[in-house]
Amino acid sequence: MSSFSPIQSVETLLTVANGYSGASAIAAQVLLSAWNSNDFTVPVAELALLDGDNDQHALNLITGKDPQNVIAHGEKKFRTLCVEWSHLETQRKGTV
């Protein structure tokens, strides 16, 4: 069980996602998938890119609910993140 609060996990992963590291994209995908799993998915193998406690923050977020509701101005922050990382949006196959 994680010793991190949902607030800590969301804020930490937002910091990583808004940074310029190799883990920024996966942090954004975890956040956006927890926020809107219809449009964003987490490539499970890429979770290995999260180092230190960030993998625990990701698991904490994945098992939680409504990450935008645990931080101040969460909805705005998640909408901004969605715009910045819109290229990660899940591509859907056309219907037959």
PDB file of N, CA and C in Angstrom:
ATOM      1  N   MET A   1       0.842  -1.188   0.000  1.00  0.00           N
ATOM      2  CA  MET A   1       0.000   0.000   0.000  1.00  0.00           C
ATOM      3  C   MET A   1       0.881   1.243   0.000  1.00  0.00           C
ATOM      4  N   SER A   2       0.465   2.246  -0.750  1.00  0.00           N
ATOM      5  CA  SER A   2       1.238   3.470  -0.899  1.00  0.00           C
ATOM      6  C   SER A   2       1.164   4.324   0.356  1.00  0.00           C
ATOM      7  N   SER A   3       2.289   4.946   0.684  1.00  0.00           N
ATOM      8  CA  SER A   3       2.303   5.863   1.812  1.00  0.00           C
ATOM      9  C   SER A   3       2.086   7.300   1.347  1.00  0.00           C
ATOM     10  N   PHE A   4       1.795   7.472   0.062  1.00  0.00           N
ATOM     11  CA  PHE A   4       1.579   8.801  -0.497  1.00  0.00           C
ATOM     12  C   PHE A   4       0.095   9.114  -0.552  1.00  0.00           C
ATOM     13  N   SER A   5      -0.235  10.353  -0.287  1.00  0.00           N
ATOM     14  CA  SER A   5      -1.627  10.765  -0.420  1.00  0.00           C
ATOM     15  C   SER A   5      -1.941  10.971  -1.899  1.00  0.00           C
ATOM     16  N   PRO A   6      -3.209  10.910  -2.265  1.00  0.00           N
ATOM     17  CA  PRO A   6      -3.570  11.183  -3.656  1.00  0.00           C
ATOM     18  C   PRO A   6      -3.077  12.561  -4.113  1.00  0.00           C
ATOM     19  N   ILE A   7      -3.124  13.538  -3.229  1.00  0.00           N
ATOM     20  CA  ILE A   7      -2.650  14.881  -3.574  1.00  0.00           C
ATOM     21  C   ILE A   7      -1.175  14.843  -3.935  1.00  0.00           C
ATOM     22  N   GLN A   8      -0.363  14.179  -3.106  1.00  0.00           N
ATOM     23  CA  GLN A   8       1.073  14.074  -3.383  1.00  0.00           C
ATOM     24  C   GLN A   8       1.318  13.405  -4.729  1.00  0.00           C
ATOM     25  N   SER A   9       0.586  12.347  -4.994  1.00  0.00           N
ATOM     26  CA  SER A   9       0.791  11.605  -6.238  1.00  0.00           C
ATOM     27  C   SER A   9       0.428  12.435  -7.463  1.00  0.00           C
ATOM     28  N   VAL A  10      -0.699  13.110  -7.423  1.00  0.00           N
ATOM     29  CA  VAL A  10      -1.110  13.938  -8.558  1.00  0.00           C
ATOM     30  C   VAL A  10      -0.120  15.075  -8.764  1.00  0.00           C
ATOM     31  N   GLU A  11       0.240  15.768  -7.691  1.00  0.00           N
ATOM     32  CA  GLU A  11       1.151  16.903  -7.829  1.00  0.00           C
ATOM     33  C   GLU A  11       2.537  16.460  -8.304  1.00  0.00           C
ATOM     34  N   THR A  12       3.022  15.335  -7.808  1.00  0.00           N
ATOM     35  CA  THR A  12       4.330  14.835  -8.232  1.00  0.00           C
ATOM     36  C   THR A  12       4.326  14.466  -9.703  1.00  0.00           C
ATOM     37  N   LEU A  13       3.303  13.732 -10.134  1.00  0.00           N
ATOM     38  CA  LEU A  13       3.240  13.328 -11.535  1.00  0.00           C
ATOM     39  C   LEU A  13       2.996  14.509 -12.463  1.00  0.00           C
ATOM     40  N   LEU A  14       2.267  15.535 -12.011  1.00  0.00           N
ATOM     41  CA  LEU A  14       2.120  16.745 -12.806  1.00  0.00           C
ATOM     42  C   LEU A  14       3.470  17.431 -13.005  1.00  0.00           C
ATOM     43  N   THR A  15       4.274  17.455 -11.949  1.00  0.00           N
ATOM     44  CA  THR A  15       5.608  18.052 -12.050  1.00  0.00           C
ATOM     45  C   THR A  15       6.452  17.295 -13.068  1.00  0.00           C
ATOM     46  N   VAL A  16       6.412  15.965 -13.010  1.00  0.00           N
ATOM     47  CA  VAL A  16       7.174  15.145 -13.960  1.00  0.00           C
ATOM     48  C   VAL A  16       6.651  15.363 -15.375  1.00  0.00           C
ATOM     49  N   ALA A  17       5.338  15.356 -15.541  1.00  0.00           N
ATOM     50  CA  ALA A  17       4.734  15.517 -16.867  1.00  0.00           C
ATOM     51  C   ALA A  17       5.053  16.877 -17.476  1.00  0.00           C
ATOM     52  N   ASN A  18       5.156  17.885 -16.651  1.00  0.00           N
ATOM     53  CA  ASN A  18       5.441  19.231 -17.135  1.00  0.00           C
ATOM     54  C   ASN A  18       6.933  19.506 -17.256  1.00  0.00           C
ATOM     55  N   GLY A  19       7.748  18.501 -16.979  1.00  0.00           N
ATOM     56  CA  GLY A  19       9.192  18.643 -17.084  1.00  0.00           C
ATOM     57  C   GLY A  19       9.697  18.180 -18.429  1.00  0.00           C
ATOM     58  N   TYR A  20      10.985  17.979 -18.491  1.00  0.00           N
ATOM     59  CA  TYR A  20      11.620  17.581 -19.753  1.00  0.00           C
ATOM     60  C   TYR A  20      12.475  16.343 -19.541  1.00  0.00           C
ATOM     61  N   SER A  21      11.885  15.315 -18.968  1.00  0.00           N
ATOM     62  CA  SER A  21      12.637  14.086 -18.729  1.00  0.00           C
ATOM     63  C   SER A  21      12.072  12.969 -19.594  1.00  0.00           C
ATOM     64  N   GLY A  22      12.770  11.852 -19.596  1.00  0.00           N
ATOM     65  CA  GLY A  22      12.300  10.690 -20.334  1.00  0.00           C
ATOM     66  C   GLY A  22      11.013  10.120 -19.776  1.00  0.00           C
ATOM     67  N   ALA A  23      10.676  10.503 -18.568  1.00  0.00           N
ATOM     68  CA  ALA A  23       9.465   9.990 -17.928  1.00  0.00           C
ATOM     69  C   ALA A  23       8.277  10.942 -18.076  1.00  0.00           C
ATOM     70  N   SER A  24       8.477  12.083 -18.704  1.00  0.00           N
ATOM     71  CA  SER A  24       7.398  13.075 -18.802  1.00  0.00           C
ATOM     72  C   SER A  24       6.171  12.524 -19.523  1.00  0.00           C
ATOM     73  N   ALA A  25       6.380  11.838 -20.635  1.00  0.00           N
ATOM     74  CA  ALA A  25       5.241  11.328 -21.410  1.00  0.00           C
ATOM     75  C   ALA A  25       4.455  10.283 -20.637  1.00  0.00           C
ATOM     76  N   ILE A  26       5.131   9.356 -19.985  1.00  0.00           N
ATOM     77  CA  ILE A  26       4.400   8.320 -19.255  1.00  0.00           C
ATOM     78  C   ILE A  26       3.693   8.916 -18.043  1.00  0.00           C
ATOM     79  N   ALA A  27       4.286   9.900 -17.400  1.00  0.00           N
ATOM     80  CA  ALA A  27       3.611  10.575 -16.286  1.00  0.00           C
ATOM     81  C   ALA A  27       2.336  11.240 -16.793  1.00  0.00           C
ATOM     82  N   ALA A  28       2.423  11.897 -17.944  1.00  0.00           N
ATOM     83  CA  ALA A  28       1.238  12.527 -18.537  1.00  0.00           C
ATOM     84  C   ALA A  28       0.190  11.474 -18.897  1.00  0.00           C
ATOM     85  N   GLN A  29       0.621  10.347 -19.444  1.00  0.00           N
ATOM     86  CA  GLN A  29      -0.333   9.301 -19.820  1.00  0.00           C
ATOM     87  C   GLN A  29      -1.038   8.717 -18.603  1.00  0.00           C
ATOM     88  N   VAL A  30      -0.308   8.532 -17.523  1.00  0.00           N
ATOM     89  CA  VAL A  30      -0.937   8.017 -16.297  1.00  0.00           C
ATOM     90  C   VAL A  30      -1.992   9.013 -15.812  1.00  0.00           C
ATOM     91  N   LEU A  31      -1.613  10.279 -15.746  1.00  0.00           N
ATOM     92  CA  LEU A  31      -2.553  11.308 -15.279  1.00  0.00           C
ATOM     93  C   LEU A  31      -3.778  11.397 -16.188  1.00  0.00           C
ATOM     94  N   LEU A  32      -3.521  11.491 -17.481  1.00  0.00           N
ATOM     95  CA  LEU A  32      -4.631  11.669 -18.420  1.00  0.00           C
ATOM     96  C   LEU A  32      -5.525  10.434 -18.499  1.00  0.00           C
ATOM     97  N   SER A  33      -4.942   9.259 -18.366  1.00  0.00           N
ATOM     98  CA  SER A  33      -5.742   8.044 -18.367  1.00  0.00           C
ATOM     99  C   SER A  33      -6.618   7.946 -17.121  1.00  0.00           C
ATOM    100  N   ALA A  34      -6.075   8.358 -15.983  1.00  0.00           N
ATOM    101  CA  ALA A  34      -6.869   8.366 -14.753  1.00  0.00           C
ATOM    102  C   ALA A  34      -7.995   9.391 -14.838  1.00  0.00           C
ATOM    103  N   TRP A  35      -7.760  10.435 -15.593  1.00  0.00           N
ATOM    104  CA  TRP A  35      -8.744  11.515 -15.769  1.00  0.00           C
ATOM    105  C   TRP A  35      -9.769  11.175 -16.842  1.00  0.00           C
ATOM    106  N   ASN A  36      -9.303  10.581 -17.958  1.00  0.00           N
ATOM    107  CA  ASN A  36     -10.177  10.312 -19.095  1.00  0.00           C
ATOM    108  C   ASN A  36      -9.677   9.064 -19.821  1.00  0.00           C
ATOM    109  N   SER A  37     -10.040   7.919 -19.330  1.00  0.00           N
ATOM    110  CA  SER A  37      -9.538   6.664 -19.904  1.00  0.00           C
ATOM    111  C   SER A  37     -10.189   6.314 -21.234  1.00  0.00           C
ATOM    112  N   ASN A  38     -11.209   7.048 -21.632  1.00  0.00           N
ATOM    113  CA  ASN A  38     -11.781   6.823 -22.956  1.00  0.00           C
ATOM    114  C   ASN A  38     -10.865   7.343 -24.051  1.00  0.00           C
ATOM    115  N   ASP A  39     -10.104   8.367 -23.749  1.00  0.00           N
ATOM    116  CA  ASP A  39      -9.260   8.994 -24.763  1.00  0.00           C
ATOM    117  C   ASP A  39      -7.766   8.773 -24.567  1.00  0.00           C
ATOM    118  N   PHE A  40      -7.344   8.375 -23.369  1.00  0.00           N
ATOM    119  CA  PHE A  40      -5.925   8.177 -23.092  1.00  0.00           C
ATOM    120  C   PHE A  40      -5.714   6.820 -22.422  1.00  0.00           C
ATOM    121  N   THR A  41      -4.637   6.155 -22.796  1.00  0.00           N
ATOM    122  CA  THR A  41      -4.320   4.857 -22.206  1.00  0.00           C
ATOM    123  C   THR A  41      -2.881   4.856 -21.700  1.00  0.00           C
ATOM    124  N   VAL A  42      -2.617   3.942 -20.797  1.00  0.00           N
ATOM    125  CA  VAL A  42      -1.273   3.790 -20.225  1.00  0.00           C
ATOM    126  C   VAL A  42      -0.619   2.560 -20.848  1.00  0.00           C
ATOM    127  N   PRO A  43       0.483   2.750 -21.573  1.00  0.00           N
ATOM    128  CA  PRO A  43       1.224   1.586 -22.058  1.00  0.00           C
ATOM    129  C   PRO A  43       2.003   0.992 -20.873  1.00  0.00           C
ATOM    130  N   VAL A  44       1.529  -0.103 -20.380  1.00  0.00           N
ATOM    131  CA  VAL A  44       2.019  -0.679 -19.130  1.00  0.00           C
ATOM    132  C   VAL A  44       3.544  -0.861 -19.118  1.00  0.00           C
ATOM    133  N   ALA A  45       4.120  -1.325 -20.211  1.00  0.00           N
ATOM    134  CA  ALA A  45       5.570  -1.546 -20.259  1.00  0.00           C
ATOM    135  C   ALA A  45       6.352  -0.258 -20.022  1.00  0.00           C
ATOM    136  N   GLU A  46       5.773   0.879 -20.385  1.00  0.00           N
ATOM    137  CA  GLU A  46       6.473   2.152 -20.214  1.00  0.00           C
ATOM    138  C   GLU A  46       6.466   2.654 -18.782  1.00  0.00           C
ATOM    139  N   LEU A  47       5.689   2.036 -17.917  1.00  0.00           N
ATOM    140  CA  LEU A  47       5.726   2.417 -16.503  1.00  0.00           C
ATOM    141  C   LEU A  47       7.129   2.237 -15.914  1.00  0.00           C
ATOM    142  N   ALA A  48       7.928   1.381 -16.540  1.00  0.00           N
ATOM    143  CA  ALA A  48       9.302   1.163 -16.086  1.00  0.00           C
ATOM    144  C   ALA A  48      10.158   2.418 -16.246  1.00  0.00           C
ATOM    145  N   LEU A  49       9.706   3.390 -17.027  1.00  0.00           N
ATOM    146  CA  LEU A  49      10.444   4.642 -17.193  1.00  0.00           C
ATOM    147  C   LEU A  49      10.350   5.538 -15.958  1.00  0.00           C
ATOM    148  N   LEU A  50       9.402   5.239 -15.091  1.00  0.00           N
ATOM    149  CA  LEU A  50       9.247   6.024 -13.870  1.00  0.00           C
ATOM    150  C   LEU A  50      10.230   5.533 -12.821  1.00  0.00           C
ATOM    151  N   ASP A  51      11.042   6.432 -12.315  1.00  0.00           N
ATOM    152  CA  ASP A  51      12.063   6.043 -11.351  1.00  0.00           C
ATOM    153  C   ASP A  51      11.705   6.517  -9.943  1.00  0.00           C
ATOM    154  N   GLY A  52      12.530   6.113  -9.008  1.00  0.00           N
ATOM    155  CA  GLY A  52      12.331   6.537  -7.626  1.00  0.00           C
ATOM    156  C   GLY A  52      10.947   6.181  -7.125  1.00  0.00           C
ATOM    157  N   ASP A  53      10.313   7.151  -6.501  1.00  0.00           N
ATOM    158  CA  ASP A  53       8.963   6.948  -5.974  1.00  0.00           C
ATOM    159  C   ASP A  53       7.886   7.175  -7.026  1.00  0.00           C
ATOM    160  N   ASN A  54       8.274   7.626  -8.208  1.00  0.00           N
ATOM    161  CA  ASN A  54       7.272   7.967  -9.219  1.00  0.00           C
ATOM    162  C   ASN A  54       6.438   6.778  -9.663  1.00  0.00           C
ATOM    163  N   ASP A  55       7.026   5.579  -9.635  1.00  0.00           N
ATOM    164  CA  ASP A  55       6.215   4.402  -9.981  1.00  0.00           C
ATOM    165  C   ASP A  55       5.137   4.163  -8.925  1.00  0.00           C
ATOM    166  N   GLN A  56       5.456   4.427  -7.676  1.00  0.00           N
ATOM    167  CA  GLN A  56       4.452   4.288  -6.613  1.00  0.00           C
ATOM    168  C   GLN A  56       3.378   5.356  -6.723  1.00  0.00           C
ATOM    169  N   HIS A  57       3.780   6.568  -7.120  1.00  0.00           N
ATOM    170  CA  HIS A  57       2.786   7.623  -7.355  1.00  0.00           C
ATOM    171  C   HIS A  57       1.839   7.211  -8.477  1.00  0.00           C
ATOM    172  N   ALA A  58       2.381   6.608  -9.532  1.00  0.00           N
ATOM    173  CA  ALA A  58       1.553   6.157 -10.649  1.00  0.00           C
ATOM    174  C   ALA A  58       0.561   5.090 -10.195  1.00  0.00           C
ATOM    175  N   LEU A  59       1.040   4.112  -9.450  1.00  0.00           N
ATOM    176  CA  LEU A  59       0.142   3.056  -8.961  1.00  0.00           C
ATOM    177  C   LEU A  59      -0.918   3.626  -8.035  1.00  0.00           C
ATOM    178  N   ASN A  60      -0.529   4.579  -7.211  1.00  0.00           N
ATOM    179  CA  ASN A  60      -1.473   5.228  -6.313  1.00  0.00           C
ATOM    180  C   ASN A  60      -2.559   5.945  -7.118  1.00  0.00           C
ATOM    181  N   LEU A  61      -2.157   6.579  -8.184  1.00  0.00           N
ATOM    182  CA  LEU A  61      -3.106   7.300  -9.023  1.00  0.00           C
ATOM    183  C   LEU A  61      -4.018   6.341  -9.776  1.00  0.00           C
ATOM    184  N   ILE A  62      -3.448   5.262 -10.288  1.00  0.00           N
ATOM    185  CA  ILE A  62      -4.215   4.279 -11.049  1.00  0.00           C
ATOM    186  C   ILE A  62      -5.303   3.647 -10.187  1.00  0.00           C
ATOM    187  N   THR A  63      -5.013   3.435  -8.918  1.00  0.00           N
ATOM    188  CA  THR A  63      -5.986   2.795  -8.040  1.00  0.00           C
ATOM    189  C   THR A  63      -6.929   3.787  -7.368  1.00  0.00           C
ATOM    190  N   GLY A  64      -6.726   5.075  -7.605  1.00  0.00           N
ATOM    191  CA  GLY A  64      -7.575   6.104  -7.011  1.00  0.00           C
ATOM    192  C   GLY A  64      -8.706   6.494  -7.942  1.00  0.00           C
ATOM    193  N   LYS A  65      -9.362   7.569  -7.592  1.00  0.00           N
ATOM    194  CA  LYS A  65     -10.488   8.054  -8.388  1.00  0.00           C
ATOM    195  C   LYS A  65     -10.375   9.557  -8.601  1.00  0.00           C
ATOM    196  N   ASP A  66     -10.805   9.992  -9.760  1.00  0.00           N
ATOM    197  CA  ASP A  66     -10.949  11.410 -10.077  1.00  0.00           C
ATOM    198  C   ASP A  66      -9.769  12.270  -9.607  1.00  0.00           C
ATOM    199  N   PRO A  67      -8.611  12.108 -10.225  1.00  0.00           N
ATOM    200  CA  PRO A  67      -7.426  12.836  -9.767  1.00  0.00           C
ATOM    201  C   PRO A  67      -7.582  14.347  -9.846  1.00  0.00           C
ATOM    202  N   GLN A  68      -8.406  14.829 -10.748  1.00  0.00           N
ATOM    203  CA  GLN A  68      -8.600  16.267 -10.877  1.00  0.00           C
ATOM    204  C   GLN A  68      -9.309  16.867  -9.670  1.00  0.00           C
ATOM    205  N   ASN A  69      -9.955  16.023  -8.880  1.00  0.00           N
ATOM    206  CA  ASN A  69     -10.704  16.515  -7.723  1.00  0.00           C
ATOM    207  C   ASN A  69      -9.891  16.567  -6.439  1.00  0.00           C
ATOM    208  N   VAL A  70      -8.653  16.084  -6.456  1.00  0.00           N
ATOM    209  CA  VAL A  70      -7.875  16.059  -5.213  1.00  0.00           C
ATOM    210  C   VAL A  70      -6.913  17.229  -5.089  1.00  0.00           C
ATOM    211  N   ILE A  71      -6.778  18.036  -6.153  1.00  0.00           N
ATOM    212  CA  ILE A  71      -5.869  19.183  -6.097  1.00  0.00           C
ATOM    213  C   ILE A  71      -6.617  20.462  -6.455  1.00  0.00           C
ATOM    214  N   ALA A  72      -6.100  21.577  -5.994  1.00  0.00           N
ATOM    215  CA  ALA A  72      -6.701  22.871  -6.315  1.00  0.00           C
ATOM    216  C   ALA A  72      -6.588  23.130  -7.809  1.00  0.00           C
ATOM    217  N   HIS A  73      -7.656  23.629  -8.393  1.00  0.00           N
ATOM    218  CA  HIS A  73      -7.700  23.965  -9.820  1.00  0.00           C
ATOM    219  C   HIS A  73      -7.396  22.750 -10.690  1.00  0.00           C
ATOM    220  N   GLY A  74      -7.750  21.566 -10.196  1.00  0.00           N
ATOM    221  CA  GLY A  74      -7.433  20.321 -10.873  1.00  0.00           C
ATOM    222  C   GLY A  74      -7.994  20.214 -12.277  1.00  0.00           C
ATOM    223  N   GLU A  75      -9.241  20.574 -12.452  1.00  0.00           N
ATOM    224  CA  GLU A  75      -9.849  20.455 -13.781  1.00  0.00           C
ATOM    225  C   GLU A  75      -9.090  21.322 -14.784  1.00  0.00           C
ATOM    226  N   LYS A  76      -8.735  22.522 -14.398  1.00  0.00           N
ATOM    227  CA  LYS A  76      -7.977  23.417 -15.282  1.00  0.00           C
ATOM    228  C   LYS A  76      -6.602  22.829 -15.594  1.00  0.00           C
ATOM    229  N   LYS A  77      -5.929  22.297 -14.584  1.00  0.00           N
ATOM    230  CA  LYS A  77      -4.605  21.722 -14.783  1.00  0.00           C
ATOM    231  C   LYS A  77      -4.667  20.506 -15.711  1.00  0.00           C
ATOM    232  N   PHE A  78      -5.688  19.700 -15.569  1.00  0.00           N
ATOM    233  CA  PHE A  78      -5.820  18.521 -16.418  1.00  0.00           C
ATOM    234  C   PHE A  78      -6.197  18.899 -17.849  1.00  0.00           C
ATOM    235  N   ARG A  79      -7.005  19.919 -18.021  1.00  0.00           N
ATOM    236  CA  ARG A  79      -7.333  20.369 -19.379  1.00  0.00           C
ATOM    237  C   ARG A  79      -6.082  20.930 -20.076  1.00  0.00           C
ATOM    238  N   THR A  80      -5.270  21.658 -19.333  1.00  0.00           N
ATOM    239  CA  THR A  80      -4.015  22.180 -19.881  1.00  0.00           C
ATOM    240  C   THR A  80      -3.093  21.028 -20.257  1.00  0.00           C
ATOM    241  N   LEU A  81      -2.980  20.039 -19.371  1.00  0.00           N
ATOM    242  CA  LEU A  81      -2.153  18.870 -19.651  1.00  0.00           C
ATOM    243  C   LEU A  81      -2.662  18.140 -20.895  1.00  0.00           C
ATOM    244  N   CYS A  82      -3.962  18.051 -21.028  1.00  0.00           N
ATOM    245  CA  CYS A  82      -4.572  17.384 -22.179  1.00  0.00           C
ATOM    246  C   CYS A  82      -4.190  18.087 -23.480  1.00  0.00           C
ATOM    247  N   VAL A  83      -4.181  19.390 -23.473  1.00  0.00           N
ATOM    248  CA  VAL A  83      -3.796  20.143 -24.669  1.00  0.00           C
ATOM    249  C   VAL A  83      -2.322  19.921 -24.978  1.00  0.00           C
ATOM    250  N   GLU A  84      -1.476  19.999 -23.944  1.00  0.00           N
ATOM    251  CA  GLU A  84      -0.038  19.846 -24.135  1.00  0.00           C
ATOM    252  C   GLU A  84       0.349  18.457 -24.620  1.00  0.00           C
ATOM    253  N   TRP A  85      -0.395  17.458 -24.224  1.00  0.00           N
ATOM    254  CA  TRP A  85      -0.066  16.074 -24.566  1.00  0.00           C
ATOM    255  C   TRP A  85      -1.136  15.463 -25.479  1.00  0.00           C
ATOM    256  N   SER A  86      -1.836  16.260 -26.239  1.00  0.00           N
ATOM    257  CA  SER A  86      -2.930  15.755 -27.078  1.00  0.00           C
ATOM    258  C   SER A  86      -2.459  14.714 -28.091  1.00  0.00           C
ATOM    259  N   HIS A  87      -1.186  14.753 -28.465  1.00  0.00           N
ATOM    260  CA  HIS A  87      -0.673  13.764 -29.420  1.00  0.00           C
ATOM    261  C   HIS A  87      -0.638  12.347 -28.831  1.00  0.00           C
ATOM    262  N   LEU A  88      -0.808  12.224 -27.526  1.00  0.00           N
ATOM    263  CA  LEU A  88      -0.832  10.905 -26.888  1.00  0.00           C
ATOM    264  C   LEU A  88      -2.230  10.293 -26.882  1.00  0.00           C
ATOM    265  N   GLU A  89      -3.202  11.048 -27.348  1.00  0.00           N
ATOM    266  CA  GLU A  89      -4.580  10.564 -27.333  1.00  0.00           C
ATOM    267  C   GLU A  89      -4.690   9.263 -28.118  1.00  0.00           C
ATOM    268  N   THR A  90      -5.476   8.354 -27.609  1.00  0.00           N
ATOM    269  CA  THR A  90      -5.666   7.044 -28.224  1.00  0.00           C
ATOM    270  C   THR A  90      -6.294   7.211 -29.599  1.00  0.00           C
ATOM    271  N   GLN A  91      -5.676   6.560 -30.559  1.00  0.00           N
ATOM    272  CA  GLN A  91      -6.226   6.568 -31.911  1.00  0.00           C
ATOM    273  C   GLN A  91      -7.211   5.408 -32.025  1.00  0.00           C
ATOM    274  N   ARG A  92      -8.416   5.708 -32.401  1.00  0.00           N
ATOM    275  CA  ARG A  92      -9.453   4.686 -32.492  1.00  0.00           C
ATOM    276  C   ARG A  92      -9.589   4.207 -33.935  1.00  0.00           C
ATOM    277  N   LYS A  93      -9.819   2.912 -34.081  1.00  0.00           N
ATOM    278  CA  LYS A  93     -10.069   2.360 -35.394  1.00  0.00           C
ATOM    279  C   LYS A  93     -11.481   2.717 -35.832  1.00  0.00           C
ATOM    280  N   GLY A  94     -11.663   2.927 -37.106  1.00  0.00           N
ATOM    281  CA  GLY A  94     -12.998   3.227 -37.641  1.00  0.00           C
ATOM    282  C   GLY A  94     -13.908   2.024 -37.508  1.00  0.00           C
ATOM    283  N   THR A  95     -15.169   2.265 -37.479  1.00  0.00           N
ATOM    284  CA  THR A  95     -16.141   1.173 -37.382  1.00  0.00           C
ATOM    285  C   THR A  95     -16.319   0.548 -38.761  1.00  0.00           C
ATOM    286  N   VAL A  96     -16.640  -0.721 -38.755  1.00  0.00           N
ATOM    287  CA  VAL A  96     -16.799  -1.457 -40.002  1.00  0.00           C
ATOM    288  C   VAL A  96     -18.252  -1.503 -40.387  1.00  0.00           C
TER     289      VAL A  96
END
